[in-house]
N, C-alpha and C. Protein backbone atom coordinates (compact mmCIF):
# COMPACT_ATOMS: atom_id res chain seq x y z
N UNK A 1 3.44 -3.72 13.90
CA UNK A 1 2.89 -4.29 12.69
C UNK A 1 3.74 -3.85 11.50
N UNK A 2 3.91 -4.75 10.56
CA UNK A 2 4.75 -4.48 9.39
C UNK A 2 4.09 -3.45 8.49
N UNK A 3 4.89 -2.61 7.86
CA UNK A 3 4.38 -1.63 6.91
C UNK A 3 4.30 -2.31 5.55
N UNK A 4 3.26 -3.11 5.39
CA UNK A 4 3.10 -3.91 4.20
C UNK A 4 1.63 -3.96 3.80
N UNK A 5 1.37 -3.87 2.51
CA UNK A 5 0.00 -3.96 1.99
C UNK A 5 -0.48 -5.39 2.17
N UNK A 6 -1.65 -5.56 2.77
CA UNK A 6 -2.16 -6.89 3.05
C UNK A 6 -2.80 -7.54 1.82
N UNK A 7 -2.97 -6.79 0.73
CA UNK A 7 -3.55 -7.35 -0.49
C UNK A 7 -2.45 -7.73 -1.47
N UNK A 8 -1.55 -6.78 -1.77
CA UNK A 8 -0.52 -7.03 -2.78
C UNK A 8 0.84 -7.41 -2.20
N UNK A 9 1.06 -7.12 -0.92
CA UNK A 9 2.34 -7.43 -0.30
C UNK A 9 3.42 -6.39 -0.54
N UNK A 10 3.01 -5.21 -1.06
CA UNK A 10 3.99 -4.14 -1.26
C UNK A 10 4.58 -3.72 0.07
N UNK A 11 5.90 -3.53 0.11
CA UNK A 11 6.58 -3.16 1.34
C UNK A 11 7.54 -2.02 1.10
N UNK A 12 8.35 -1.69 2.12
CA UNK A 12 9.30 -0.59 1.97
C UNK A 12 10.41 -0.90 0.98
N UNK A 13 10.86 0.15 0.28
CA UNK A 13 12.00 0.04 -0.62
C UNK A 13 13.20 0.72 0.04
N UNK A 14 14.41 0.27 -0.28
CA UNK A 14 15.62 0.82 0.31
C UNK A 14 16.48 1.40 -0.80
N UNK A 15 17.03 2.58 -0.52
CA UNK A 15 17.90 3.22 -1.49
C UNK A 15 18.85 4.17 -0.80
N UNK A 16 19.46 5.05 -1.59
CA UNK A 16 20.43 6.00 -1.06
C UNK A 16 19.98 7.42 -1.35
N UNK A 17 20.21 8.34 -0.38
CA UNK A 17 20.24 9.76 -0.66
C UNK A 17 21.67 10.04 -1.10
N UNK A 18 21.85 10.67 -2.25
CA UNK A 18 23.20 10.95 -2.76
C UNK A 18 23.38 12.46 -2.83
N UNK A 19 24.39 12.97 -2.10
CA UNK A 19 24.65 14.40 -2.09
C UNK A 19 25.47 14.80 -3.32
N UNK A 20 25.64 16.10 -3.48
CA UNK A 20 26.44 16.60 -4.59
C UNK A 20 27.89 16.11 -4.49
N UNK A 21 28.38 15.91 -3.27
CA UNK A 21 29.73 15.39 -3.05
C UNK A 21 29.76 13.86 -3.14
N UNK A 22 28.63 13.28 -3.51
CA UNK A 22 28.47 11.83 -3.69
C UNK A 22 28.57 11.06 -2.37
N UNK A 23 28.23 11.73 -1.25
CA UNK A 23 28.09 11.01 0.01
C UNK A 23 26.75 10.28 -0.02
N UNK A 24 26.75 9.04 0.44
CA UNK A 24 25.53 8.24 0.39
C UNK A 24 25.03 7.93 1.80
N UNK A 25 23.75 8.19 2.02
CA UNK A 25 23.11 7.79 3.28
C UNK A 25 21.88 6.98 2.93
N UNK A 26 21.61 5.94 3.73
CA UNK A 26 20.48 5.05 3.46
C UNK A 26 19.16 5.76 3.71
N UNK A 27 18.16 5.43 2.90
CA UNK A 27 16.81 5.93 3.12
C UNK A 27 15.82 4.80 2.84
N UNK A 28 14.63 4.91 3.44
CA UNK A 28 13.55 3.95 3.20
C UNK A 28 12.38 4.69 2.58
N UNK A 29 11.82 4.12 1.53
CA UNK A 29 10.61 4.67 0.93
C UNK A 29 9.47 3.74 1.32
N UNK A 30 8.57 4.26 2.17
CA UNK A 30 7.48 3.46 2.68
C UNK A 30 6.28 3.53 1.74
N UNK A 31 5.51 2.46 1.63
CA UNK A 31 4.30 2.50 0.80
C UNK A 31 3.24 3.41 1.44
N UNK A 32 2.40 3.98 0.61
CA UNK A 32 1.34 4.88 1.08
C UNK A 32 0.16 4.04 1.55
N UNK A 33 0.20 3.61 2.82
CA UNK A 33 -0.81 2.70 3.35
C UNK A 33 -2.01 3.45 3.90
N UNK A 34 -3.18 2.89 3.68
CA UNK A 34 -4.45 3.40 4.19
C UNK A 34 -5.16 2.26 4.90
N UNK A 35 -5.79 2.56 6.04
CA UNK A 35 -6.58 1.57 6.74
C UNK A 35 -8.00 1.62 6.19
N UNK A 36 -8.50 0.47 5.73
CA UNK A 36 -9.79 0.39 5.07
C UNK A 36 -10.62 -0.70 5.74
N UNK A 37 -11.91 -0.43 5.92
CA UNK A 37 -12.82 -1.45 6.43
C UNK A 37 -13.43 -2.17 5.24
N UNK A 38 -13.33 -3.50 5.24
CA UNK A 38 -13.92 -4.31 4.17
C UNK A 38 -14.95 -5.25 4.78
N UNK A 39 -15.97 -5.56 3.99
CA UNK A 39 -16.99 -6.51 4.42
C UNK A 39 -16.66 -7.85 3.79
N UNK A 40 -16.51 -8.86 4.62
CA UNK A 40 -16.19 -10.19 4.14
C UNK A 40 -17.45 -10.89 3.66
N UNK A 41 -17.28 -12.06 3.02
CA UNK A 41 -18.41 -12.78 2.45
C UNK A 41 -19.40 -13.24 3.51
N UNK A 42 -18.93 -13.50 4.74
CA UNK A 42 -19.83 -13.96 5.79
C UNK A 42 -20.53 -12.80 6.50
N UNK A 43 -20.32 -11.56 6.03
CA UNK A 43 -21.01 -10.41 6.58
C UNK A 43 -20.25 -9.65 7.64
N UNK A 44 -19.11 -10.16 8.11
CA UNK A 44 -18.32 -9.47 9.12
C UNK A 44 -17.48 -8.38 8.47
N UNK A 45 -17.15 -7.35 9.26
CA UNK A 45 -16.31 -6.26 8.78
C UNK A 45 -14.94 -6.38 9.43
N UNK A 46 -13.90 -6.09 8.65
CA UNK A 46 -12.53 -6.19 9.14
C UNK A 46 -11.72 -5.02 8.61
N UNK A 47 -10.77 -4.54 9.43
CA UNK A 47 -9.87 -3.48 8.99
C UNK A 47 -8.62 -4.10 8.40
N UNK A 48 -8.22 -3.62 7.23
CA UNK A 48 -6.97 -4.08 6.61
C UNK A 48 -6.19 -2.85 6.16
N UNK A 49 -4.87 -3.03 6.03
CA UNK A 49 -4.00 -1.96 5.52
C UNK A 49 -3.77 -2.22 4.04
N UNK A 50 -4.09 -1.20 3.22
CA UNK A 50 -4.00 -1.33 1.77
C UNK A 50 -3.22 -0.15 1.23
N UNK A 51 -2.35 -0.39 0.25
CA UNK A 51 -1.63 0.70 -0.41
C UNK A 51 -2.63 1.53 -1.21
N UNK A 52 -2.39 2.83 -1.30
CA UNK A 52 -3.31 3.74 -1.99
C UNK A 52 -3.44 3.36 -3.46
N UNK A 53 -2.36 2.93 -4.08
CA UNK A 53 -2.43 2.53 -5.50
C UNK A 53 -3.29 1.28 -5.66
N UNK A 54 -3.22 0.36 -4.70
CA UNK A 54 -4.04 -0.84 -4.73
C UNK A 54 -5.51 -0.47 -4.53
N UNK A 55 -5.76 0.48 -3.64
CA UNK A 55 -7.12 0.92 -3.37
C UNK A 55 -7.75 1.52 -4.62
N UNK A 56 -6.98 2.30 -5.36
CA UNK A 56 -7.47 2.87 -6.63
C UNK A 56 -7.86 1.78 -7.59
N UNK A 57 -7.01 0.75 -7.71
CA UNK A 57 -7.28 -0.34 -8.62
C UNK A 57 -8.53 -1.12 -8.18
N UNK A 58 -8.67 -1.34 -6.86
CA UNK A 58 -9.83 -2.06 -6.35
C UNK A 58 -11.11 -1.30 -6.66
N UNK A 59 -11.10 0.03 -6.49
CA UNK A 59 -12.28 0.83 -6.78
C UNK A 59 -12.58 0.80 -8.28
N UNK A 60 -11.55 0.83 -9.12
CA UNK A 60 -11.74 0.79 -10.56
C UNK A 60 -12.35 -0.54 -10.99
N UNK A 61 -11.87 -1.63 -10.44
CA UNK A 61 -12.39 -2.96 -10.79
C UNK A 61 -13.83 -3.12 -10.31
N UNK A 62 -14.17 -2.57 -9.14
CA UNK A 62 -15.54 -2.64 -8.64
C UNK A 62 -16.47 -1.84 -9.54
N UNK A 63 -16.00 -0.70 -10.03
CA UNK A 63 -16.81 0.14 -10.92
C UNK A 63 -17.03 -0.57 -12.25
N UNK A 64 -16.00 -1.23 -12.78
CA UNK A 64 -16.13 -1.96 -14.04
C UNK A 64 -17.09 -3.13 -13.90
N UNK A 65 -17.11 -3.75 -12.71
CA UNK A 65 -17.97 -4.90 -12.49
C UNK A 65 -19.45 -4.48 -12.46
N UNK A 66 -19.73 -3.25 -12.01
CA UNK A 66 -21.11 -2.80 -11.94
C UNK A 66 -21.63 -2.28 -13.27
N UNK A 67 -20.73 -1.86 -14.16
CA UNK A 67 -21.16 -1.30 -15.45
C UNK A 67 -21.51 -2.37 -16.43
């Protein structure tokens, strides 16, 4: 399964590790994914992979909606 947020589509980033001698080696920065159970509108529960930053935003928006 792809390491991608199923809500926002955030995926891995690619860059370089650069040494003091300026040698470059490739590195991947993976998103901080969490598996979360969500309840759909028809009452069923489903597991989705969500980035932690997206999860924070979702919780914040849910809190604002209740206030």
